[in-house]
PDB file of N, CA and C in Angstrom:
ATOM      1  N   UNK A   1     -38.333 -12.638  71.346  1.00  0.00           N
ATOM      2  CA  UNK A   1     -36.918 -12.540  70.741  1.00  0.00           C
ATOM      3  C   UNK A   1     -36.332 -13.489  71.371  1.00  0.00           C
ATOM      4  N   UNK A   2     -35.431 -14.354  70.843  1.00  0.00           N
ATOM      5  CA  UNK A   2     -35.030 -15.658  71.317  1.00  0.00           C
ATOM      6  C   UNK A   2     -33.682 -15.255  71.865  1.00  0.00           C
ATOM      7  N   UNK A   3     -32.937 -15.809  72.861  1.00  0.00           N
ATOM      8  CA  UNK A   3     -31.588 -15.504  73.631  1.00  0.00           C
ATOM      9  C   UNK A   3     -30.529 -16.040  72.715  1.00  0.00           C
ATOM     10  N   UNK A   4     -29.536 -15.470  72.782  1.00  0.00           N
ATOM     11  CA  UNK A   4     -28.275 -15.921  72.211  1.00  0.00           C
ATOM     12  C   UNK A   4     -27.857 -17.323  72.163  1.00  0.00           C
ATOM     13  N   UNK A   5     -27.908 -17.789  73.505  1.00  0.00           N
ATOM     14  CA  UNK A   5     -27.849 -19.204  73.775  1.00  0.00           C
ATOM     15  C   UNK A   5     -28.469 -20.181  73.139  1.00  0.00           C
ATOM     16  N   UNK A   6     -29.647 -19.832  72.378  1.00  0.00           N
ATOM     17  CA  UNK A   6     -30.728 -20.867  71.868  1.00  0.00           C
ATOM     18  C   UNK A   6     -30.181 -20.771  70.553  1.00  0.00           C
ATOM     19  N   UNK A   7     -28.991 -21.197  70.113  1.00  0.00           N
ATOM     20  CA  UNK A   7     -28.831 -21.435  68.756  1.00  0.00           C
ATOM     21  C   UNK A   7     -29.383 -22.417  67.987  1.00  0.00           C
ATOM     22  N   UNK A   8     -30.004 -23.348  68.419  1.00  0.00           N
ATOM     23  CA  UNK A   8     -30.893 -24.453  68.030  1.00  0.00           C
ATOM     24  C   UNK A   8     -32.066 -23.709  67.066  1.00  0.00           C
ATOM     25  N   UNK A   9     -32.153 -22.594  67.401  1.00  0.00           N
ATOM     26  CA  UNK A   9     -33.422 -21.739  66.852  1.00  0.00           C
ATOM     27  C   UNK A   9     -32.936 -21.480  65.281  1.00  0.00           C
ATOM     28  N   UNK A  10     -31.702 -21.520  65.090  1.00  0.00           N
ATOM     29  CA  UNK A  10     -31.247 -20.926  63.704  1.00  0.00           C
ATOM     30  C   UNK A  10     -31.270 -21.733  62.883  1.00  0.00           C
ATOM     31  N   UNK A  11     -31.151 -21.549  61.093  1.00  0.00           N
ATOM     32  CA  UNK A  11     -31.011 -22.402  60.545  1.00  0.00           C
ATOM     33  C   UNK A  11     -29.690 -22.797  60.253  1.00  0.00           C
ATOM     34  N   UNK A  12     -28.592 -23.772  60.295  1.00  0.00           N
ATOM     35  CA  UNK A  12     -27.381 -23.638  59.558  1.00  0.00           C
ATOM     36  C   UNK A  12     -27.597 -23.920  58.252  1.00  0.00           C
ATOM     37  N   UNK A  13     -26.436 -22.788  57.368  1.00  0.00           N
ATOM     38  CA  UNK A  13     -26.895 -22.781  55.985  1.00  0.00           C
ATOM     39  C   UNK A  13     -25.363 -23.176  55.278  1.00  0.00           C
ATOM     40  N   UNK A  14     -24.536 -23.211  56.050  1.00  0.00           N
ATOM     41  CA  UNK A  14     -22.977 -23.590  55.935  1.00  0.00           C
ATOM     42  C   UNK A  14     -22.302 -24.150  57.175  1.00  0.00           C
ATOM     43  N   UNK A  15     -21.159 -25.000  56.944  1.00  0.00           N
ATOM     44  CA  UNK A  15     -20.213 -25.220  57.706  1.00  0.00           C
ATOM     45  C   UNK A  15     -18.900 -25.311  57.011  1.00  0.00           C
ATOM     46  N   UNK A  16     -17.917 -24.950  58.198  1.00  0.00           N
ATOM     47  CA  UNK A  16     -16.319 -25.373  57.510  1.00  0.00           C
ATOM     48  C   UNK A  16     -15.390 -25.902  58.753  1.00  0.00           C
ATOM     49  N   UNK A  17     -15.133 -27.020  58.638  1.00  0.00           N
ATOM     50  CA  UNK A  17     -14.131 -27.394  59.174  1.00  0.00           C
ATOM     51  C   UNK A  17     -12.694 -27.538  59.239  1.00  0.00           C
ATOM     52  N   UNK A  18     -12.474 -26.948  60.066  1.00  0.00           N
ATOM     53  CA  UNK A  18     -10.548 -26.847  59.750  1.00  0.00           C
ATOM     54  C   UNK A  18     -10.020 -27.281  60.824  1.00  0.00           C
ATOM     55  N   UNK A  19      -8.858 -28.216  60.379  1.00  0.00           N
ATOM     56  CA  UNK A  19      -8.511 -29.371  61.130  1.00  0.00           C
ATOM     57  C   UNK A  19      -7.172 -28.509  61.297  1.00  0.00           C
ATOM     58  N   UNK A  20      -6.554 -29.155  62.359  1.00  0.00           N
ATOM     59  CA  UNK A  20      -4.931 -28.577  62.962  1.00  0.00           C
ATOM     60  C   UNK A  20      -4.042 -29.344  62.992  1.00  0.00           C
ATOM     61  N   UNK A  21      -2.966 -29.596  63.088  1.00  0.00           N
ATOM     62  CA  UNK A  21      -1.864 -30.758  63.531  1.00  0.00           C
ATOM     63  C   UNK A  21      -1.928 -30.588  64.946  1.00  0.00           C
ATOM     64  N   UNK A  22      -1.259 -31.679  65.390  1.00  0.00           N
ATOM     65  CA  UNK A  22      -1.081 -32.059  66.812  1.00  0.00           C
ATOM     66  C   UNK A  22      -0.565 -30.884  67.569  1.00  0.00           C
ATOM     67  N   UNK A  23      -1.098 -29.826  68.545  1.00  0.00           N
ATOM     68  CA  UNK A  23      -0.414 -28.662  69.091  1.00  0.00           C
ATOM     69  C   UNK A  23      -0.327 -27.565  68.323  1.00  0.00           C
ATOM     70  N   UNK A  24      -0.836 -27.559  67.034  1.00  0.00           N
ATOM     71  CA  UNK A  24      -0.487 -26.408  66.468  1.00  0.00           C
ATOM     72  C   UNK A  24      -1.968 -25.666  66.413  1.00  0.00           C
ATOM     73  N   UNK A  25      -1.801 -24.355  66.302  1.00  0.00           N
ATOM     74  CA  UNK A  25      -3.030 -23.301  66.548  1.00  0.00           C
ATOM     75  C   UNK A  25      -3.108 -22.255  64.988  1.00  0.00           C
ATOM     76  N   UNK A  26      -1.942 -22.900  64.075  1.00  0.00           N
ATOM     77  CA  UNK A  26      -2.080 -21.399  62.974  1.00  0.00           C
ATOM     78  C   UNK A  26      -2.889 -22.281  61.932  1.00  0.00           C
ATOM     79  N   UNK A  27      -3.870 -21.394  61.207  1.00  0.00           N
ATOM     80  CA  UNK A  27      -4.496 -22.017  60.318  1.00  0.00           C
ATOM     81  C   UNK A  27      -3.926 -21.983  58.697  1.00  0.00           C
ATOM     82  N   UNK A  28      -4.104 -23.489  58.317  1.00  0.00           N
ATOM     83  CA  UNK A  28      -3.310 -23.858  57.430  1.00  0.00           C
ATOM     84  C   UNK A  28      -4.068 -22.837  55.865  1.00  0.00           C
ATOM     85  N   UNK A  29      -3.515 -22.306  55.264  1.00  0.00           N
ATOM     86  CA  UNK A  29      -3.791 -21.201  54.174  1.00  0.00           C
ATOM     87  C   UNK A  29      -5.037 -22.027  53.379  1.00  0.00           C
ATOM     88  N   UNK A  30      -4.810 -23.227  53.203  1.00  0.00           N
ATOM     89  CA  UNK A  30      -5.858 -24.090  52.329  1.00  0.00           C
ATOM     90  C   UNK A  30      -7.611 -23.892  52.994  1.00  0.00           C
ATOM     91  N   UNK A  31      -7.855 -23.363  54.122  1.00  0.00           N
ATOM     92  CA  UNK A  31      -8.536 -23.064  54.746  1.00  0.00           C
ATOM     93  C   UNK A  31      -9.785 -21.634  54.378  1.00  0.00           C
ATOM     94  N   UNK A  32      -8.129 -20.885  53.949  1.00  0.00           N
ATOM     95  CA  UNK A  32      -9.004 -19.565  53.814  1.00  0.00           C
ATOM     96  C   UNK A  32     -10.130 -19.383  52.919  1.00  0.00           C
ATOM     97  N   UNK A  33     -10.011 -20.028  51.700  1.00  0.00           N
ATOM     98  CA  UNK A  33     -10.905 -19.964  50.249  1.00  0.00           C
ATOM     99  C   UNK A  33     -12.382 -20.465  51.110  1.00  0.00           C
ATOM    100  N   UNK A  34     -12.483 -21.534  51.953  1.00  0.00           N
ATOM    101  CA  UNK A  34     -13.736 -22.057  51.749  1.00  0.00           C
ATOM    102  C   UNK A  34     -14.087 -21.366  53.308  1.00  0.00           C
ATOM    103  N   UNK A  35     -13.378 -20.841  54.317  1.00  0.00           N
ATOM    104  CA  UNK A  35     -14.020 -19.925  55.301  1.00  0.00           C
ATOM    105  C   UNK A  35     -14.273 -18.704  54.754  1.00  0.00           C
ATOM    106  N   UNK A  36     -13.499 -17.981  53.893  1.00  0.00           N
ATOM    107  CA  UNK A  36     -14.153 -16.854  53.358  1.00  0.00           C
ATOM    108  C   UNK A  36     -15.375 -16.829  52.448  1.00  0.00           C
ATOM    109  N   UNK A  37     -15.571 -18.227  51.466  1.00  0.00           N
ATOM    110  CA  UNK A  37     -16.545 -18.598  50.739  1.00  0.00           C
ATOM    111  C   UNK A  37     -17.952 -18.351  51.725  1.00  0.00           C
ATOM    112  N   UNK A  38     -17.499 -18.955  52.934  1.00  0.00           N
ATOM    113  CA  UNK A  38     -19.005 -19.251  53.879  1.00  0.00           C
ATOM    114  C   UNK A  38     -19.188 -17.879  54.601  1.00  0.00           C
ATOM    115  N   UNK A  39     -18.332 -16.974  54.653  1.00  0.00           N
ATOM    116  CA  UNK A  39     -18.537 -15.528  55.175  1.00  0.00           C
ATOM    117  C   UNK A  39     -19.321 -14.894  54.236  1.00  0.00           C
ATOM    118  N   UNK A  40     -18.936 -14.856  52.844  1.00  0.00           N
ATOM    119  CA  UNK A  40     -19.878 -14.209  51.728  1.00  0.00           C
ATOM    120  C   UNK A  40     -21.245 -14.774  51.686  1.00  0.00           C
ATOM    121  N   UNK A  41     -21.324 -16.020  51.831  1.00  0.00           N
ATOM    122  CA  UNK A  41     -22.910 -16.582  51.762  1.00  0.00           C
ATOM    123  C   UNK A  41     -23.686 -16.263  53.274  1.00  0.00           C
ATOM    124  N   UNK A  42     -22.876 -15.768  54.161  1.00  0.00           N
ATOM    125  CA  UNK A  42     -23.617 -15.421  55.492  1.00  0.00           C
ATOM    126  C   UNK A  42     -23.814 -13.842  55.024  1.00  0.00           C
ATOM    127  N   UNK A  43     -23.060 -13.258  54.534  1.00  0.00           N
ATOM    128  CA  UNK A  43     -23.610 -11.674  54.102  1.00  0.00           C
ATOM    129  C   UNK A  43     -24.558 -11.792  53.194  1.00  0.00           C
ATOM    130  N   UNK A  44     -25.140 -12.517  52.601  1.00  0.00           N
ATOM    131  CA  UNK A  44     -26.344 -12.595  52.072  1.00  0.00           C
ATOM    132  C   UNK A  44     -27.492 -12.606  52.785  1.00  0.00           C
ATOM    133  N   UNK A  45     -27.413 -13.049  54.173  1.00  0.00           N
ATOM    134  CA  UNK A  45     -28.667 -13.484  54.950  1.00  0.00           C
ATOM    135  C   UNK A  45     -28.656 -12.483  55.797  1.00  0.00           C
ATOM    136  N   UNK A  46     -30.026 -11.966  56.109  1.00  0.00           N
ATOM    137  CA  UNK A  46     -30.261 -11.095  56.942  1.00  0.00           C
ATOM    138  C   UNK A  46     -30.317 -11.664  58.071  1.00  0.00           C
ATOM    139  N   UNK A  47     -29.323 -10.757  59.329  1.00  0.00           N
ATOM    140  CA  UNK A  47     -29.696 -11.378  60.627  1.00  0.00           C
ATOM    141  C   UNK A  47     -28.546 -12.576  60.880  1.00  0.00           C
ATOM    142  N   UNK A  48     -27.755 -12.447  59.983  1.00  0.00           N
ATOM    143  CA  UNK A  48     -26.801 -14.049  60.079  1.00  0.00           C
ATOM    144  C   UNK A  48     -26.043 -13.910  61.416  1.00  0.00           C
ATOM    145  N   UNK A  49     -25.449 -15.336  61.735  1.00  0.00           N
ATOM    146  CA  UNK A  49     -24.466 -15.496  62.770  1.00  0.00           C
ATOM    147  C   UNK A  49     -23.736 -16.652  62.472  1.00  0.00           C
ATOM    148  N   UNK A  50     -22.442 -16.018  62.564  1.00  0.00           N
ATOM    149  CA  UNK A  50     -21.079 -16.927  62.235  1.00  0.00           C
ATOM    150  C   UNK A  50     -20.865 -17.866  64.099  1.00  0.00           C
ATOM    151  N   UNK A  51     -20.737 -18.866  63.962  1.00  0.00           N
ATOM    152  CA  UNK A  51     -20.180 -19.534  65.507  1.00  0.00           C
ATOM    153  C   UNK A  51     -18.963 -20.065  64.985  1.00  0.00           C
ATOM    154  N   UNK A  52     -18.355 -19.924  65.946  1.00  0.00           N
ATOM    155  CA  UNK A  52     -16.705 -20.603  65.577  1.00  0.00           C
ATOM    156  C   UNK A  52     -16.556 -21.243  66.850  1.00  0.00           C
ATOM    157  N   UNK A  53     -16.090 -22.701  66.722  1.00  0.00           N
ATOM    158  CA  UNK A  53     -16.125 -23.558  67.797  1.00  0.00           C
ATOM    159  C   UNK A  53     -14.410 -23.736  67.874  1.00  0.00           C
ATOM    160  N   UNK A  54     -13.725 -23.879  68.873  1.00  0.00           N
ATOM    161  CA  UNK A  54     -12.535 -24.478  68.539  1.00  0.00           C
ATOM    162  C   UNK A  54     -12.535 -25.856  69.593  1.00  0.00           C
ATOM    163  N   UNK A  55     -11.781 -26.730  69.386  1.00  0.00           N
ATOM    164  CA  UNK A  55     -11.580 -27.945  69.967  1.00  0.00           C
ATOM    165  C   UNK A  55     -10.219 -28.177  70.025  1.00  0.00           C
ATOM    166  N   UNK A  56      -9.907 -29.389  70.765  1.00  0.00           N
ATOM    167  CA  UNK A  56      -8.180 -30.022  71.036  1.00  0.00           C
ATOM    168  C   UNK A  56      -8.741 -31.693  71.496  1.00  0.00           C
ATOM    169  N   UNK A  57      -7.917 -32.218  70.953  1.00  0.00           N
ATOM    170  CA  UNK A  57      -7.846 -33.680  71.156  1.00  0.00           C
ATOM    171  C   UNK A  57      -7.921 -34.007  72.769  1.00  0.00           C
ATOM    172  N   UNK A  58      -7.987 -34.793  73.118  1.00  0.00           N
ATOM    173  CA  UNK A  58      -8.128 -35.319  74.994  1.00  0.00           C
ATOM    174  C   UNK A  58      -6.599 -35.723  75.363  1.00  0.00           C
ATOM    175  N   UNK A  59      -5.384 -35.807  74.243  1.00  0.00           N
ATOM    176  CA  UNK A  59      -4.243 -35.885  74.820  1.00  0.00           C
ATOM    177  C   UNK A  59      -3.745 -34.589  75.245  1.00  0.00           C
ATOM    178  N   UNK A  60      -2.905 -34.754  76.348  1.00  0.00           N
ATOM    179  CA  UNK A  60      -2.338 -33.537  77.038  1.00  0.00           C
ATOM    180  C   UNK A  60      -3.068 -32.896  78.393  1.00  0.00           C
ATOM    181  N   UNK A  61      -2.837 -31.900  78.853  1.00  0.00           N
ATOM    182  CA  UNK A  61      -3.114 -31.184  80.050  1.00  0.00           C
ATOM    183  C   UNK A  61      -4.580 -30.629  79.266  1.00  0.00           C
ATOM    184  N   UNK A  62      -5.453 -30.487  80.578  1.00  0.00           N
ATOM    185  CA  UNK A  62      -6.717 -30.040  80.432  1.00  0.00           C
ATOM    186  C   UNK A  62      -6.643 -28.462  80.132  1.00  0.00           C
ATOM    187  N   UNK A  63      -5.779 -27.784  80.957  1.00  0.00           N
ATOM    188  CA  UNK A  63      -5.117 -26.190  80.681  1.00  0.00           C
ATOM    189  C   UNK A  63      -4.732 -25.905  78.951  1.00  0.00           C
ATOM    190  N   UNK A  64      -3.574 -26.890  78.836  1.00  0.00           N
ATOM    191  CA  UNK A  64      -3.008 -26.920  77.456  1.00  0.00           C
ATOM    192  C   UNK A  64      -4.171 -27.044  75.998  1.00  0.00           C
ATOM    193  N   UNK A  65      -4.927 -27.779  76.649  1.00  0.00           N
ATOM    194  CA  UNK A  65      -6.013 -28.366  75.577  1.00  0.00           C
ATOM    195  C   UNK A  65      -7.147 -27.039  75.386  1.00  0.00           C
ATOM    196  N   UNK A  66      -7.519 -26.456  76.383  1.00  0.00           N
ATOM    197  CA  UNK A  66      -8.459 -25.301  76.446  1.00  0.00           C
ATOM    198  C   UNK A  66      -7.593 -24.156  75.925  1.00  0.00           C
ATOM    199  N   UNK A  67      -6.458 -24.071  76.173  1.00  0.00           N
ATOM    200  CA  UNK A  67      -5.568 -22.747  75.446  1.00  0.00           C
ATOM    201  C   UNK A  67      -5.495 -23.308  73.873  1.00  0.00           C
ATOM    202  N   UNK A  68      -5.286 -24.308  73.608  1.00  0.00           N
ATOM    203  CA  UNK A  68      -5.153 -24.787  72.354  1.00  0.00           C
ATOM    204  C   UNK A  68      -6.952 -24.300  71.247  1.00  0.00           C
ATOM    205  N   UNK A  69      -8.030 -25.048  72.388  1.00  0.00           N
ATOM    206  CA  UNK A  69      -8.999 -24.300  71.445  1.00  0.00           C
ATOM    207  C   UNK A  69      -9.497 -22.916  71.486  1.00  0.00           C
ATOM    208  N   UNK A  70      -9.141 -22.545  72.720  1.00  0.00           N
ATOM    209  CA  UNK A  70      -9.247 -20.861  72.296  1.00  0.00           C
ATOM    210  C   UNK A  70      -8.302 -20.005  71.194  1.00  0.00           C
ATOM    211  N   UNK A  71      -7.024 -20.433  71.172  1.00  0.00           N
ATOM    212  CA  UNK A  71      -6.257 -20.037  70.033  1.00  0.00           C
ATOM    213  C   UNK A  71      -6.638 -20.425  68.739  1.00  0.00           C
ATOM    214  N   UNK A  72      -7.144 -21.732  68.209  1.00  0.00           N
ATOM    215  CA  UNK A  72      -7.301 -21.904  67.267  1.00  0.00           C
ATOM    216  C   UNK A  72      -8.735 -21.396  66.775  1.00  0.00           C
ATOM    217  N   UNK A  73      -9.772 -21.074  67.482  1.00  0.00           N
ATOM    218  CA  UNK A  73     -11.198 -20.520  67.471  1.00  0.00           C
ATOM    219  C   UNK A  73     -10.678 -19.131  66.967  1.00  0.00           C
ATOM    220  N   UNK A  74      -9.666 -18.411  68.106  1.00  0.00           N
ATOM    221  CA  UNK A  74      -9.393 -17.134  67.504  1.00  0.00           C
ATOM    222  C   UNK A  74      -8.901 -16.766  66.419  1.00  0.00           C
ATOM    223  N   UNK A  75      -7.962 -17.640  66.040  1.00  0.00           N
ATOM    224  CA  UNK A  75      -7.455 -17.353  64.678  1.00  0.00           C
ATOM    225  C   UNK A  75      -8.313 -17.656  63.483  1.00  0.00           C
ATOM    226  N   UNK A  76      -9.332 -18.478  63.719  1.00  0.00           N
ATOM    227  CA  UNK A  76     -10.324 -18.805  62.461  1.00  0.00           C
ATOM    228  C   UNK A  76     -10.987 -17.322  62.422  1.00  0.00           C
ATOM    229  N   UNK A  77     -11.373 -16.909  63.812  1.00  0.00           N
ATOM    230  CA  UNK A  77     -12.296 -15.756  63.913  1.00  0.00           C
ATOM    231  C   UNK A  77     -11.383 -14.401  63.172  1.00  0.00           C
ATOM    232  N   UNK A  78     -10.336 -14.273  63.436  1.00  0.00           N
ATOM    233  CA  UNK A  78      -9.323 -13.358  62.729  1.00  0.00           C
ATOM    234  C   UNK A  78      -9.232 -13.111  61.485  1.00  0.00           C
ATOM    235  N   UNK A  79      -9.101 -14.549  60.523  1.00  0.00           N
ATOM    236  CA  UNK A  79      -9.699 -14.785  59.209  1.00  0.00           C
ATOM    237  C   UNK A  79     -10.898 -14.212  58.913  1.00  0.00           C
ATOM    238  N   UNK A  80     -11.776 -14.676  59.546  1.00  0.00           N
ATOM    239  CA  UNK A  80     -13.116 -14.305  58.994  1.00  0.00           C
ATOM    240  C   UNK A  80     -13.310 -12.516  59.350  1.00  0.00           C
ATOM    241  N   UNK A  81     -12.553 -12.108  60.378  1.00  0.00           N
ATOM    242  CA  UNK A  81     -13.412 -10.697  60.198  1.00  0.00           C
ATOM    243  C   UNK A  81     -12.044  -9.797  59.232  1.00  0.00           C
ATOM    244  N   UNK A  82     -11.104  -9.971  59.505  1.00  0.00           N
ATOM    245  CA  UNK A  82     -10.038  -9.256  58.672  1.00  0.00           C
ATOM    246  C   UNK A  82     -10.181  -9.505  56.978  1.00  0.00           C
ATOM    247  N   UNK A  83     -10.433 -10.646  56.894  1.00  0.00           N
ATOM    248  CA  UNK A  83     -10.150 -10.972  55.105  1.00  0.00           C
ATOM    249  C   UNK A  83     -11.649 -11.173  54.724  1.00  0.00           C
ATOM    250  N   UNK A  84     -12.806 -11.864  55.701  1.00  0.00           N
ATOM    251  CA  UNK A  84     -14.079 -11.856  55.156  1.00  0.00           C
ATOM    252  C   UNK A  84     -14.577 -10.357  54.978  1.00  0.00           C
ATOM    253  N   UNK A  85     -14.663  -9.503  56.235  1.00  0.00           N
ATOM    254  CA  UNK A  85     -15.213  -8.190  55.963  1.00  0.00           C
ATOM    255  C   UNK A  85     -14.573  -7.591  54.554  1.00  0.00           C
ATOM    256  N   UNK A  86     -13.578  -7.663  54.154  1.00  0.00           N
ATOM    257  CA  UNK A  86     -12.942  -7.057  52.647  1.00  0.00           C
ATOM    258  C   UNK A  86     -13.425  -7.999  51.498  1.00  0.00           C
ATOM    259  N   UNK A  87     -13.889  -9.168  51.634  1.00  0.00           N
ATOM    260  CA  UNK A  87     -14.524  -9.878  50.320  1.00  0.00           C
ATOM    261  C   UNK A  87     -15.467  -9.469  50.224  1.00  0.00           C
ATOM    262  N   UNK A  88     -16.429  -9.073  51.163  1.00  0.00           N
ATOM    263  CA  UNK A  88     -17.875  -9.375  51.189  1.00  0.00           C
ATOM    264  C   UNK A  88     -18.329  -7.523  50.799  1.00  0.00           C
ATOM    265  N   UNK A  89     -17.498  -7.067  50.657  1.00  0.00           N
ATOM    266  CA  UNK A  89     -17.866  -5.338  50.144  1.00  0.00           C
ATOM    267  C   UNK A  89     -18.056  -5.474  48.645  1.00  0.00           C
TER     268      UNK A  89
END
């Protein structure tokens, strides 16, 4: 059994990149459809895993950029959990 941290042992089936405005954490609604389509695709695969990574630019303080990254990832995850579970039933 592979450890969770060994993500390179998995096949990447789909990727969605969500861009944010400078200093922004709200997900633009235009990304909802591609995020939910990816969620539906994942639900057809046994043992799927969805990885969400949040990033920020190097401009600004490390503390602020860490918070931006976490908030961005959290907001994308919330869309997948709240709306993705409804669309995959």
